[in-house]
C-alpha atoms as a PDB file:
ATOM      1  CA  MET A   1      39.401   1.818  26.414  1.00  0.00           C
ATOM      2  CA  THR A   2      41.577   2.698  23.098  1.00  0.00           C
ATOM      3  CA  THR A   3      42.128   6.198  22.253  1.00  0.00           C
ATOM      4  CA  ILE A   4      42.174   6.511  18.460  1.00  0.00           C
ATOM      5  CA  ARG A   5      43.796   9.350  17.114  1.00  0.00           C
ATOM      6  CA  LEU A   6      43.283  10.484  13.699  1.00  0.00           C
ATOM      7  CA  ARG A   7      45.239  13.469  11.917  1.00  0.00           C
ATOM      8  CA  GLY A   8      44.069  16.408  12.287  1.00  0.00           C
ATOM      9  CA  ASP A   9      43.663  17.510   8.684  1.00  0.00           C
ATOM     10  CA  LEU A  10      41.881  14.681   7.598  1.00  0.00           C
ATOM     11  CA  PHE A  11      38.804  15.560   9.509  1.00  0.00           C
ATOM     12  CA  PRO A  12      36.106  16.858   7.251  1.00  0.00           C
ATOM     13  CA  ARG A  13      34.178  20.066   7.189  1.00  0.00           C
ATOM     14  CA  LEU A  14      31.235  17.921   5.828  1.00  0.00           C
ATOM     15  CA  ASP A  15      29.260  15.604   7.356  1.00  0.00           C
ATOM     16  CA  LEU A  16      27.515  13.300   4.446  1.00  0.00           C
ATOM     17  CA  ASN A  17      26.240  10.510   6.762  1.00  0.00           C
ATOM     18  CA  ASN A  18      24.076  12.099   9.409  1.00  0.00           C
ATOM     19  CA  SER A  19      20.457  11.543   9.305  1.00  0.00           C
ATOM     20  CA  PHE A  20      20.518   8.256   7.512  1.00  0.00           C
ATOM     21  CA  GLY A  21      21.975  10.133   4.571  1.00  0.00           C
ATOM     22  CA  THR A  22      19.302  12.876   4.488  1.00  0.00           C
ATOM     23  CA  ARG A  23      21.588  15.994   5.194  1.00  0.00           C
ATOM     24  CA  TYR A  24      25.000  16.899   3.725  1.00  0.00           C
ATOM     25  CA  THR A  25      24.993  19.885   6.061  1.00  0.00           C
ATOM     26  CA  ARG A  26      23.253  21.139   8.702  1.00  0.00           C
ATOM     27  CA  ARG A  27      24.410  24.916   7.454  1.00  0.00           C
ATOM     28  CA  PRO A  28      21.121  27.323   7.884  1.00  0.00           C
ATOM     29  CA  LEU A  29      19.904  28.894   4.861  1.00  0.00           C
ATOM     30  CA  ASP A  30      20.443  32.255   5.921  1.00  0.00           C
ATOM     31  CA  SER A  31      24.076  31.020   6.974  1.00  0.00           C
ATOM     32  CA  GLN A  32      26.779  33.810   5.994  1.00  0.00           C
ATOM     33  CA  LYS A  33      29.050  30.857   4.444  1.00  0.00           C
ATOM     34  CA  TRP A  34      26.313  30.738   1.665  1.00  0.00           C
ATOM     35  CA  ASP A  35      26.839  32.976  -1.568  1.00  0.00           C
ATOM     36  CA  ILE A  36      25.012  36.236  -1.842  1.00  0.00           C
ATOM     37  CA  LYS A  37      22.250  34.606  -4.411  1.00  0.00           C
ATOM     38  CA  ILE A  38      20.777  32.404  -2.077  1.00  0.00           C
ATOM     39  CA  ARG A  39      20.605  34.435   1.158  1.00  0.00           C
ATOM     40  CA  LYS A  40      19.192  37.192  -0.884  1.00  0.00           C
ATOM     41  CA  THR A  41      16.623  34.498  -2.445  1.00  0.00           C
ATOM     42  CA  TRP A  42      16.083  33.071   1.066  1.00  0.00           C
ATOM     43  CA  LEU A  43      15.454  36.179   2.640  1.00  0.00           C
ATOM     44  CA  LYS A  44      13.423  37.364   0.587  1.00  0.00           C
ATOM     45  CA  TYR A  45      11.419  34.262   0.513  1.00  0.00           C
ATOM     46  CA  GLU A  46      10.847  34.433   4.188  1.00  0.00           C
ATOM     47  CA  SER A  47       9.498  38.148   4.538  1.00  0.00           C
ATOM     48  CA  GLN A  48       7.576  38.393   1.434  1.00  0.00           C
ATOM     49  CA  THR A  49       6.114  34.831   0.845  1.00  0.00           C
ATOM     50  CA  SER A  50       2.762  35.540  -0.898  1.00  0.00           C
ATOM     51  CA  GLU A  51       4.748  37.618  -3.426  1.00  0.00           C
ATOM     52  CA  PHE A  52       7.327  35.150  -4.026  1.00  0.00           C
ATOM     53  CA  GLU A  53       4.647  32.382  -5.289  1.00  0.00           C
ATOM     54  CA  GLY A  54       5.002  33.860  -8.749  1.00  0.00           C
ATOM     55  CA  GLU A  55       7.002  35.294 -11.492  1.00  0.00           C
ATOM     56  CA  TYR A  56      10.013  35.037  -8.624  1.00  0.00           C
ATOM     57  CA  LEU A  57       9.589  31.550  -8.192  1.00  0.00           C
ATOM     58  CA  ARG A  58       9.582  30.690 -12.102  1.00  0.00           C
ATOM     59  CA  ARG A  59      12.370  32.423 -12.347  1.00  0.00           C
ATOM     60  CA  LEU A  60      13.670  30.536  -9.434  1.00  0.00           C
ATOM     61  CA  GLN A  61      12.632  26.910 -10.952  1.00  0.00           C
ATOM     62  CA  SER A  62      14.054  27.786 -14.404  1.00  0.00           C
ATOM     63  CA  GLN A  63      17.524  29.027 -12.552  1.00  0.00           C
ATOM     64  CA  TYR A  64      17.420  25.403 -10.138  1.00  0.00           C
ATOM     65  CA  VAL A  65      17.160  23.504 -13.402  1.00  0.00           C
ATOM     66  CA  GLN A  66      20.225  25.171 -14.914  1.00  0.00           C
ATOM     67  CA  ASP A  67      22.097  24.560 -11.680  1.00  0.00           C
ATOM     68  CA  PHE A  68      21.415  21.315 -11.688  1.00  0.00           C
ATOM     69  CA  GLN A  69      22.272  20.979 -14.903  1.00  0.00           C
ATOM     70  CA  ASP A  70      25.547  22.633 -14.468  1.00  0.00           C
ATOM     71  CA  LEU A  71      26.411  19.928 -11.666  1.00  0.00           C
ATOM     72  CA  PHE A  72      25.062  16.946 -12.848  1.00  0.00           C
ATOM     73  CA  GLY A  73      24.883  17.447 -16.350  1.00  0.00           C
ATOM     74  CA  ALA A  74      21.301  16.486 -16.551  1.00  0.00           C
ATOM     75  CA  ILE A  75      17.655  17.702 -16.464  1.00  0.00           C
ATOM     76  CA  PRO A  76      15.204  17.443 -13.639  1.00  0.00           C
ATOM     77  CA  ALA A  77      12.139  15.896 -14.953  1.00  0.00           C
ATOM     78  CA  ILE A  78       9.533  14.335 -12.648  1.00  0.00           C
ATOM     79  CA  MET A  79       9.908  16.092  -8.749  1.00  0.00           C
ATOM     80  CA  THR A  80       8.392  13.753  -6.309  1.00  0.00           C
ATOM     81  CA  THR A  81       8.092  13.801  -2.338  1.00  0.00           C
ATOM     82  CA  HIS A  82      10.003  10.336  -2.019  1.00  0.00           C
ATOM     83  CA  ALA A  83      12.376   8.828  -4.522  1.00  0.00           C
ATOM     84  CA  SER A  84       9.973   5.428  -4.632  1.00  0.00           C
ATOM     85  CA  ASP A  85       7.457   8.168  -5.853  1.00  0.00           C
ATOM     86  CA  VAL A  86       9.410   7.675  -9.224  1.00  0.00           C
ATOM     87  CA  THR A  87       7.099   4.580 -10.486  1.00  0.00           C
ATOM     88  CA  PRO A  88       7.284   2.645 -14.064  1.00  0.00           C
ATOM     89  CA  HIS A  89       3.919   4.538 -14.848  1.00  0.00           C
ATOM     90  CA  CYS A  90       5.259   8.061 -14.048  1.00  0.00           C
ATOM     91  CA  VAL A  91       8.464   6.953 -16.410  1.00  0.00           C
ATOM     92  CA  CYS A  92       6.547   5.546 -18.678  1.00  0.00           C
ATOM     93  CA  SER A  93       4.276   8.535 -19.174  1.00  0.00           C
ATOM     94  CA  LEU A  94       7.225  11.295 -18.814  1.00  0.00           C
ATOM     95  CA  LEU A  95       8.989   9.620 -21.908  1.00  0.00           C
ATOM     96  CA  ARG A  96       5.829   9.335 -24.213  1.00  0.00           C
ATOM     97  CA  GLY A  97       5.655  12.901 -23.221  1.00  0.00           C
ATOM     98  CA  LEU A  98       8.774  14.003 -24.225  1.00  0.00           C
ATOM     99  CA  ALA A  99       8.100  11.982 -27.629  1.00  0.00           C
ATOM    100  CA  GLN A 100       5.770  14.417 -28.418  1.00  0.00           C
ATOM    101  CA  PHE A 101       8.276  17.293 -28.724  1.00  0.00           C
ATOM    102  CA  GLY A 102      10.438  15.265 -31.016  1.00  0.00           C
ATOM    103  CA  CYS A 103      10.585  15.503 -35.279  1.00  0.00           C
ATOM    104  CA  ASP A 104       8.983  12.069 -35.736  1.00  0.00           C
ATOM    105  CA  LYS A 105       5.612  12.027 -33.456  1.00  0.00           C
ATOM    106  CA  SER A 106       4.095   8.826 -34.909  1.00  0.00           C
ATOM    107  CA  THR A 107       7.688   6.539 -33.772  1.00  0.00           C
ATOM    108  CA  SER A 108       6.366   5.075 -30.618  1.00  0.00           C
ATOM    109  CA  VAL A 109       9.072   4.854 -27.789  1.00  0.00           C
ATOM    110  CA  PHE A 110       7.661   1.731 -25.623  1.00  0.00           C
ATOM    111  CA  ASP A 111       5.393  -1.193 -27.159  1.00  0.00           C
ATOM    112  CA  PRO A 112       1.799  -2.008 -26.458  1.00  0.00           C
ATOM    113  CA  ARG A 113       2.632  -4.583 -23.690  1.00  0.00           C
ATOM    114  CA  GLN A 114       5.152  -1.729 -22.133  1.00  0.00           C
ATOM    115  CA  ILE A 115       2.555   1.133 -22.210  1.00  0.00           C
ATOM    116  CA  SER A 116       0.145  -0.831 -20.544  1.00  0.00           C
ATOM    117  CA  SER A 117       1.877  -2.619 -18.008  1.00  0.00           C
ATOM    118  CA  PRO A 118       5.148  -0.694 -17.552  1.00  0.00           C
ATOM    119  CA  ASN A 119       7.651  -1.870 -15.079  1.00  0.00           C
ATOM    120  CA  PHE A 120      11.320  -2.401 -13.821  1.00  0.00           C
ATOM    121  CA  ALA A 121      13.599  -5.073 -13.406  1.00  0.00           C
ATOM    122  CA  SER A 122      16.256  -4.443 -10.704  1.00  0.00           C
ATOM    123  CA  THR A 123      19.637  -5.963 -10.207  1.00  0.00           C
ATOM    124  CA  ASP A 124      20.353  -8.319  -7.537  1.00  0.00           C
ATOM    125  CA  GLY A 125      21.641  -6.517  -4.354  1.00  0.00           C
ATOM    126  CA  GLY A 126      19.505  -3.227  -5.086  1.00  0.00           C
ATOM    127  CA  PHE A 127      18.628  -0.837  -1.914  1.00  0.00           C
ATOM    128  CA  GLY A 128      14.571  -0.762  -3.000  1.00  0.00           C
ATOM    129  CA  ALA A 129      12.620   1.866  -1.296  1.00  0.00           C
ATOM    130  CA  THR A 130      10.153   2.388   1.429  1.00  0.00           C
ATOM    131  CA  TYR A 131       6.950   1.712  -0.092  1.00  0.00           C
ATOM    132  CA  GLY A 132       5.402   1.537  -3.353  1.00  0.00           C
ATOM    133  CA  GLN A 133       6.635  -1.405  -5.777  1.00  0.00           C
ATOM    134  CA  GLY A 134      10.448  -0.688  -5.114  1.00  0.00           C
ATOM    135  CA  ALA A 135       9.979  -2.362  -2.099  1.00  0.00           C
ATOM    136  CA  TYR A 136       9.534  -5.889  -3.126  1.00  0.00           C
ATOM    137  CA  ILE A 137      13.155  -5.858  -3.567  1.00  0.00           C
ATOM    138  CA  HIS A 138      13.830  -4.475  -0.286  1.00  0.00           C
ATOM    139  CA  PRO A 139      15.600  -6.773   2.169  1.00  0.00           C
ATOM    140  CA  THR A 140      13.225  -5.886   5.092  1.00  0.00           C
ATOM    141  CA  ASN A 141      10.768  -3.852   3.931  1.00  0.00           C
ATOM    142  CA  GLN A 142       8.506  -6.469   1.505  1.00  0.00           C
ATOM    143  CA  ASP A 143       5.491  -6.551   3.633  1.00  0.00           C
ATOM    144  CA  VAL A 144       4.411  -2.979   2.717  1.00  0.00           C
ATOM    145  CA  ALA A 145       4.913  -3.581  -1.251  1.00  0.00           C
ATOM    146  CA  CYS A 146       1.775  -2.490  -3.110  1.00  0.00           C
ATOM    147  CA  GLY A 147       1.334  -2.891  -7.124  1.00  0.00           C
ATOM    148  CA  SER A 148       3.649  -5.918  -9.656  1.00  0.00           C
ATOM    149  CA  SER A 149       6.757  -6.636  -8.216  1.00  0.00           C
ATOM    150  CA  TYR A 150      10.227  -5.315  -9.818  1.00  0.00           C
ATOM    151  CA  TRP A 151      11.552  -8.108 -11.731  1.00  0.00           C
ATOM    152  CA  LYS A 152      14.823  -9.381  -9.867  1.00  0.00           C
ATOM    153  CA  ILE A 153      18.106 -10.163 -12.731  1.00  0.00           C
ATOM    154  CA  GLU A 154      21.163 -11.095 -11.808  1.00  0.00           C
ATOM    155  CA  VAL A 155      24.113  -9.076 -13.097  1.00  0.00           C
ATOM    156  CA  GLY A 156      26.937 -11.949 -11.701  1.00  0.00           C
ATOM    157  CA  ARG A 157      27.062 -13.759 -15.089  1.00  0.00           C
ATOM    158  CA  LYS A 158      26.270 -12.099 -18.564  1.00  0.00           C
ATOM    159  CA  SER A 159      23.932 -14.998 -19.538  1.00  0.00           C
ATOM    160  CA  LYS A 160      21.728 -15.232 -16.838  1.00  0.00           C
ATOM    161  CA  LEU A 161      21.585 -11.390 -17.009  1.00  0.00           C
ATOM    162  CA  ARG A 162      20.227 -11.755 -20.938  1.00  0.00           C
ATOM    163  CA  ILE A 163      17.902 -14.325 -19.802  1.00  0.00           C
ATOM    164  CA  SER A 164      16.054 -12.450 -16.943  1.00  0.00           C
ATOM    165  CA  ALA A 165      16.312  -8.836 -18.775  1.00  0.00           C
ATOM    166  CA  GLN A 166      14.519 -10.470 -21.933  1.00  0.00           C
ATOM    167  CA  ARG A 167      11.801 -12.237 -19.827  1.00  0.00           C
ATOM    168  CA  ALA A 168      11.333  -8.594 -18.077  1.00  0.00           C
ATOM    169  CA  LYS A 169      10.835  -7.078 -21.111  1.00  0.00           C
ATOM    170  CA  ASP A 170       8.653  -9.635 -22.737  1.00  0.00           C
ATOM    171  CA  GLN A 171       6.217  -9.272 -19.600  1.00  0.00           C
ATOM    172  CA  GLY A 172       6.628  -5.058 -20.083  1.00  0.00           C
ATOM    173  CA  CYS A 173       9.866  -4.229 -18.584  1.00  0.00           C
ATOM    174  CA  ILE A 174      10.989  -0.457 -19.844  1.00  0.00           C
ATOM    175  CA  GLY A 175      14.291  -0.254 -17.915  1.00  0.00           C
ATOM    176  CA  ILE A 176      16.493  -1.931 -15.746  1.00  0.00           C
ATOM    177  CA  LEU A 177      16.848  -0.342 -12.192  1.00  0.00           C
ATOM    178  CA  THR A 178      20.558  -0.613 -10.488  1.00  0.00           C
ATOM    179  CA  ASP A 179      22.561   0.659  -7.389  1.00  0.00           C
ATOM    180  CA  ILE A 180      26.013   0.850  -7.907  1.00  0.00           C
ATOM    181  CA  VAL A 181      27.010   1.009  -4.870  1.00  0.00           C
ATOM    182  CA  ARG A 182      25.515  -0.905  -2.658  1.00  0.00           C
ATOM    183  CA  TRP A 183      27.373  -3.773  -3.690  1.00  0.00           C
ATOM    184  CA  VAL A 184      30.243  -2.056  -5.504  1.00  0.00           C
ATOM    185  CA  MET A 185      30.007  -2.873  -9.214  1.00  0.00           C
ATOM    186  CA  THR A 186      32.484  -3.702 -11.313  1.00  0.00           C
ATOM    187  CA  GLU A 187      33.285  -2.146 -14.825  1.00  0.00           C
ATOM    188  CA  THR A 188      32.834  -5.445 -15.907  1.00  0.00           C
ATOM    189  CA  GLN A 189      28.886  -5.441 -14.842  1.00  0.00           C
ATOM    190  CA  TRP A 190      28.545  -2.005 -16.031  1.00  0.00           C
ATOM    191  CA  LYS A 191      29.384  -3.126 -19.052  1.00  0.00           C
ATOM    192  CA  SER A 192      27.425  -6.420 -19.016  1.00  0.00           C
ATOM    193  CA  ILE A 193      23.898  -3.997 -17.975  1.00  0.00           C
ATOM    194  CA  ILE A 194      24.808  -0.975 -20.544  1.00  0.00           C
ATOM    195  CA  ASP A 195      25.033  -3.718 -23.547  1.00  0.00           C
ATOM    196  CA  ASN A 196      22.103  -5.682 -22.702  1.00  0.00           C
ATOM    197  CA  CYS A 197      20.182  -2.403 -22.173  1.00  0.00           C
ATOM    198  CA  ARG A 198      21.068  -1.393 -25.689  1.00  0.00           C
ATOM    199  CA  GLU A 199      20.690  -4.753 -26.988  1.00  0.00           C
ATOM    200  CA  LEU A 200      17.164  -5.129 -26.179  1.00  0.00           C
ATOM    201  CA  ASP A 201      16.207  -1.452 -26.257  1.00  0.00           C
ATOM    202  CA  VAL A 202      15.561  -0.479 -22.928  1.00  0.00           C
ATOM    203  CA  LEU A 203      16.200   2.102 -20.560  1.00  0.00           C
ATOM    204  CA  LEU A 204      19.381   2.264 -18.478  1.00  0.00           C
ATOM    205  CA  ILE A 205      17.992   3.670 -14.571  1.00  0.00           C
ATOM    206  CA  VAL A 206      20.708   4.100 -11.918  1.00  0.00           C
ATOM    207  CA  ASP A 207      19.508   4.647  -8.218  1.00  0.00           C
ATOM    208  CA  GLU A 208      21.570   7.499  -6.721  1.00  0.00           C
ATOM    209  CA  THR A 209      19.054   8.281  -4.035  1.00  0.00           C
ATOM    210  CA  LEU A 210      22.079   7.751  -1.329  1.00  0.00           C
ATOM    211  CA  THR A 211      24.823   8.137  -3.674  1.00  0.00           C
ATOM    212  CA  ALA A 212      25.069  11.324  -4.887  1.00  0.00           C
ATOM    213  CA  ILE A 213      27.965  13.591  -4.014  1.00  0.00           C
ATOM    214  CA  ARG A 214      28.634  10.581  -1.753  1.00  0.00           C
ATOM    215  CA  CYS A 215      31.074   8.709  -3.394  1.00  0.00           C
ATOM    216  CA  GLY A 216      33.922  10.721  -5.104  1.00  0.00           C
ATOM    217  CA  ALA A 217      31.944  12.049  -8.334  1.00  0.00           C
ATOM    218  CA  PRO A 218      28.425  14.282  -8.231  1.00  0.00           C
ATOM    219  CA  TRP A 219      26.792  11.062  -9.032  1.00  0.00           C
ATOM    220  CA  ALA A 220      28.402   7.880  -8.657  1.00  0.00           C
ATOM    221  CA  HIS A 221      27.883   6.896 -12.238  1.00  0.00           C
ATOM    222  CA  GLN A 222      30.467   9.429 -12.904  1.00  0.00           C
ATOM    223  CA  ARG A 223      33.177   8.114 -11.609  1.00  0.00           C
ATOM    224  CA  ALA A 224      35.886   7.753 -13.821  1.00  0.00           C
ATOM    225  CA  GLU A 225      36.158   3.908 -14.365  1.00  0.00           C
ATOM    226  CA  TYR A 226      31.952   3.830 -14.947  1.00  0.00           C
ATOM    227  CA  ASP A 227      31.982   6.791 -17.008  1.00  0.00           C
ATOM    228  CA  SER A 228      34.560   5.782 -19.833  1.00  0.00           C
ATOM    229  CA  ILE A 229      32.491   2.630 -20.555  1.00  0.00           C
ATOM    230  CA  GLY A 230      28.717   4.086 -20.676  1.00  0.00           C
ATOM    231  CA  LYS A 231      26.104   6.629 -19.401  1.00  0.00           C
ATOM    232  CA  PRO A 232      23.064   5.603 -18.323  1.00  0.00           C
ATOM    233  CA  ASP A 233      19.366   7.253 -19.323  1.00  0.00           C
ATOM    234  CA  LEU A 234      17.545   8.469 -16.052  1.00  0.00           C
ATOM    235  CA  VAL A 235      18.730   9.174 -12.481  1.00  0.00           C
ATOM    236  CA  ILE A 236      16.721   8.694  -9.511  1.00  0.00           C
ATOM    237  CA  SER A 237      17.929  11.383  -6.654  1.00  0.00           C
ATOM    238  CA  GLY A 238      16.698  12.409  -3.196  1.00  0.00           C
ATOM    239  CA  LYS A 239      17.589  12.055   0.201  1.00  0.00           C
ATOM    240  CA  GLY A 240      20.588  14.216   0.475  1.00  0.00           C
ATOM    241  CA  LEU A 241      19.922  16.600  -2.389  1.00  0.00           C
ATOM    242  CA  VAL A 242      16.498  17.462  -0.313  1.00  0.00           C
ATOM    243  CA  ALA A 243      14.041  17.692  -3.776  1.00  0.00           C
ATOM    244  CA  ALA A 244      13.590  14.195  -4.536  1.00  0.00           C
ATOM    245  CA  GLY A 245      12.947  12.861  -8.163  1.00  0.00           C
ATOM    246  CA  LEU A 246      14.195  11.839 -12.062  1.00  0.00           C
ATOM    247  CA  ALA A 247      16.592  13.266 -13.896  1.00  0.00           C
ATOM    248  CA  LEU A 248      17.320  12.780 -17.429  1.00  0.00           C
ATOM    249  CA  ILE A 249      21.108  12.394 -18.977  1.00  0.00           C
ATOM    250  CA  PRO A 250      21.029  14.281 -22.424  1.00  0.00           C
ATOM    251  CA  ASN A 251      22.905  11.765 -24.110  1.00  0.00           C
ATOM    252  CA  GLY A 252      21.389   8.739 -22.582  1.00  0.00           C
ATOM    253  CA  PRO A 253      21.939   5.626 -25.631  1.00  0.00           C
ATOM    254  CA  PHE A 254      18.240   4.775 -25.258  1.00  0.00           C
ATOM    255  CA  LEU A 255      16.938   8.641 -24.918  1.00  0.00           C
ATOM    256  CA  HIS A 256      19.205   9.155 -28.264  1.00  0.00           C
ATOM    257  CA  ARG A 257      18.335   6.180 -30.152  1.00  0.00           C
ATOM    258  CA  HIS A 258      14.493   6.987 -29.933  1.00  0.00           C
ATOM    259  CA  GLY A 259      15.071  11.083 -30.775  1.00  0.00           C
ATOM    260  CA  LEU A 260      14.910  12.389 -27.196  1.00  0.00           C
ATOM    261  CA  THR A 261      18.346  14.163 -27.185  1.00  0.00           C
ATOM    262  CA  THR A 262      17.479  16.655 -29.231  1.00  0.00           C
ATOM    263  CA  ASN A 263      17.523  20.567 -28.894  1.00  0.00           C
ATOM    264  CA  ASP A 264      13.314  20.978 -29.945  1.00  0.00           C
ATOM    265  CA  VAL A 265      12.905  17.984 -26.850  1.00  0.00           C
ATOM    266  CA  LEU A 266      15.336  18.802 -24.109  1.00  0.00           C
ATOM    267  CA  GLU A 267      14.915  22.747 -24.612  1.00  0.00           C
ATOM    268  CA  ASP A 268      11.030  22.537 -23.874  1.00  0.00           C
ATOM    269  CA  GLY A 269      10.464  19.325 -23.013  1.00  0.00           C
ATOM    270  CA  PRO A 270      11.243  18.697 -19.496  1.00  0.00           C
ATOM    271  CA  LEU A 271       9.704  21.270 -18.356  1.00  0.00           C
ATOM    272  CA  LYS A 272       6.599  21.420 -20.363  1.00  0.00           C
ATOM    273  CA  VAL A 273       5.639  18.125 -19.380  1.00  0.00           C
ATOM    274  CA  MET A 274       6.646  18.438 -15.507  1.00  0.00           C
ATOM    275  CA  GLU A 275       4.327  21.145 -15.341  1.00  0.00           C
ATOM    276  CA  SER A 276       1.153  18.532 -16.824  1.00  0.00           C
ATOM    277  CA  GLN A 277       2.510  15.112 -15.343  1.00  0.00           C
ATOM    278  CA  SER A 278       4.439  16.580 -12.025  1.00  0.00           C
ATOM    279  CA  VAL A 279       4.403  19.099  -9.355  1.00  0.00           C
ATOM    280  CA  TRP A 280       6.933  21.220  -8.300  1.00  0.00           C
ATOM    281  CA  CYS A 281       8.133  20.783  -4.635  1.00  0.00           C
ATOM    282  CA  GLN A 282       7.279  23.275  -1.852  1.00  0.00           C
ATOM    283  CA  THR A 283       9.073  26.446  -2.734  1.00  0.00           C
ATOM    284  CA  SER A 284      10.784  26.194   0.897  1.00  0.00           C
ATOM    285  CA  VAL A 285      12.062  22.617  -0.328  1.00  0.00           C
ATOM    286  CA  LEU A 286      13.319  23.356  -3.793  1.00  0.00           C
ATOM    287  CA  LEU A 287      15.101  26.334  -2.031  1.00  0.00           C
ATOM    288  CA  GLN A 288      17.044  23.873   0.145  1.00  0.00           C
ATOM    289  CA  SER A 289      17.771  21.639  -2.538  1.00  0.00           C
ATOM    290  CA  TRP A 290      18.886  24.259  -4.360  1.00  0.00           C
ATOM    291  CA  MET A 291      21.442  25.858  -2.045  1.00  0.00           C
ATOM    292  CA  VAL A 292      22.667  21.916  -1.633  1.00  0.00           C
ATOM    293  CA  VAL A 293      23.428  21.840  -5.842  1.00  0.00           C
ATOM    294  CA  ARG A 294      24.769  25.697  -5.716  1.00  0.00           C
ATOM    295  CA  ALA A 295      27.117  24.367  -2.582  1.00  0.00           C
ATOM    296  CA  ALA A 296      27.941  21.045  -3.378  1.00  0.00           C
ATOM    297  CA  LYS A 297      29.111  22.361  -7.079  1.00  0.00           C
ATOM    298  CA  VAL A 298      30.714  25.622  -5.863  1.00  0.00           C
ATOM    299  CA  GLU A 299      32.848  23.729  -2.301  1.00  0.00           C
ATOM    300  CA  GLU A 300      33.414  20.437  -4.550  1.00  0.00           C
ATOM    301  CA  TRP A 301      31.682  18.072  -2.261  1.00  0.00           C
ATOM    302  CA  TRP A 302      32.254  15.317  -3.983  1.00  0.00           C
ATOM    303  CA  GLU A 303      35.947  15.542  -3.320  1.00  0.00           C
ATOM    304  CA  VAL A 304      35.584  15.986   0.430  1.00  0.00           C
ATOM    305  CA  SER A 305      33.975  12.856   0.296  1.00  0.00           C
ATOM    306  CA  LYS A 306      36.939  11.667  -0.311  1.00  0.00           C
ATOM    307  CA  GLN A 307      38.598  12.887   3.176  1.00  0.00           C
ATOM    308  CA  ILE A 308      35.721  11.907   4.726  1.00  0.00           C
ATOM    309  CA  GLY A 309      35.762   8.676   3.224  1.00  0.00           C
ATOM    310  CA  MET A 310      39.814   8.536   4.360  1.00  0.00           C
ATOM    311  CA  VAL A 311      38.591   8.634   7.983  1.00  0.00           C
ATOM    312  CA  LEU A 312      36.097   6.497   8.535  1.00  0.00           C
ATOM    313  CA  ARG A 313      37.561   3.882   7.105  1.00  0.00           C
ATOM    314  CA  GLU A 314      40.520   5.132   9.524  1.00  0.00           C
ATOM    315  CA  PHE A 315      38.562   4.882  12.572  1.00  0.00           C
ATOM    316  CA  VAL A 316      36.871   1.675  11.712  1.00  0.00           C
ATOM    317  CA  SER A 317      40.066  -0.087  10.699  1.00  0.00           C
ATOM    318  CA  GLU A 318      41.684   0.938  14.303  1.00  0.00           C
ATOM    319  CA  SER A 319      38.292   1.059  16.999  1.00  0.00           C
ATOM    320  CA  ALA A 320      36.870  -2.147  15.113  1.00  0.00           C
ATOM    321  CA  LYS A 321      39.725  -3.822  13.876  1.00  0.00           C
ATOM    322  CA  ARG A 322      38.142  -4.593  10.026  1.00  0.00           C
ATOM    323  CA  LYS A 323      38.840  -3.329   7.022  1.00  0.00           C
ATOM    324  CA  VAL A 324      35.875  -1.617   4.881  1.00  0.00           C
ATOM    325  CA  THR A 325      35.035  -3.436   1.893  1.00  0.00           C
ATOM    326  CA  LYS A 326      31.802  -2.354   1.129  1.00  0.00           C
ATOM    327  CA  GLY A 327      30.257   1.332   0.108  1.00  0.00           C
ATOM    328  CA  LEU A 328      32.644   3.950  -1.665  1.00  0.00           C
ATOM    329  CA  GLU A 329      34.452   6.584  -0.459  1.00  0.00           C
ATOM    330  CA  ALA A 330      31.902   8.482   2.425  1.00  0.00           C
ATOM    331  CA  LEU A 331      29.491   6.275   1.562  1.00  0.00           C
ATOM    332  CA  ILE A 332      29.852   2.490   3.489  1.00  0.00           C
ATOM    333  CA  TYR A 333      28.343  -0.086   4.646  1.00  0.00           C
ATOM    334  CA  LEU A 334      28.868  -2.417   7.738  1.00  0.00           C
ATOM    335  CA  SER A 335      27.172  -5.885   7.562  1.00  0.00           C
END
């Protein structure tokens, strides 16, 4: 048996790969290592649960939104039990609701076909979801899919991408859903998707369920090579962030074109629409998610992910005699 020796200074202090991506750390909520604000809030919740579910909870929700925005530069707008619950119908309703807070309420965000039969187009190679519509694009879970299937589009050639994306929009597609890391999207492909979304006037939605914090930036699409080219409109998150859902990018191109990035819309719109169309997750889940968001920012977990990625790649290279080529930083894929 071969003994593998790794440099001690490379060992990470966080396990960003355990529990199938559902946790970033096993540090308990009442740990002395968290900041005092988190500890005090958690202890208050444990000792006064019934009193907590009132004004104090509303303050927590407001603080969560602020800290989430400080870390990711995005506004949480839909809270769900699982990332796959973010359906095309939810997104369509959300943006039509937000439009009511804009200056020109007569402008329609989507056309009649998109409103009656909203759907997503998914790039090839996406991870997909466990249940629901997203399962149609999952390599092994298609037998549990329900509803209309997502349109699949190829990003390898720009001409094919444009043709398949146009066909998808004609059938009610409201946005292109993509995953940057599973097959490591090139900068050229990222630009091609952004250009097509602009030309067809559809949303660009990035699935960051697995990739948040693990890939060298708070979100993978915020890595310099992608962020310098352009931004998405919406981001789906979950897993390690504990609370799943959808977040708005305030300067997203589709949102900007349709007047959904003004202060009138973004200051009050997301929370008010969330109150009417979505339900905040359980308080204990919200607290855990808040803990992750605050700690990730203070301790810069995305920088730690680079160290973890080095360790994992060195280990795989020395033990399996193979080079890891898929994934980014702490998130790797082995075929």
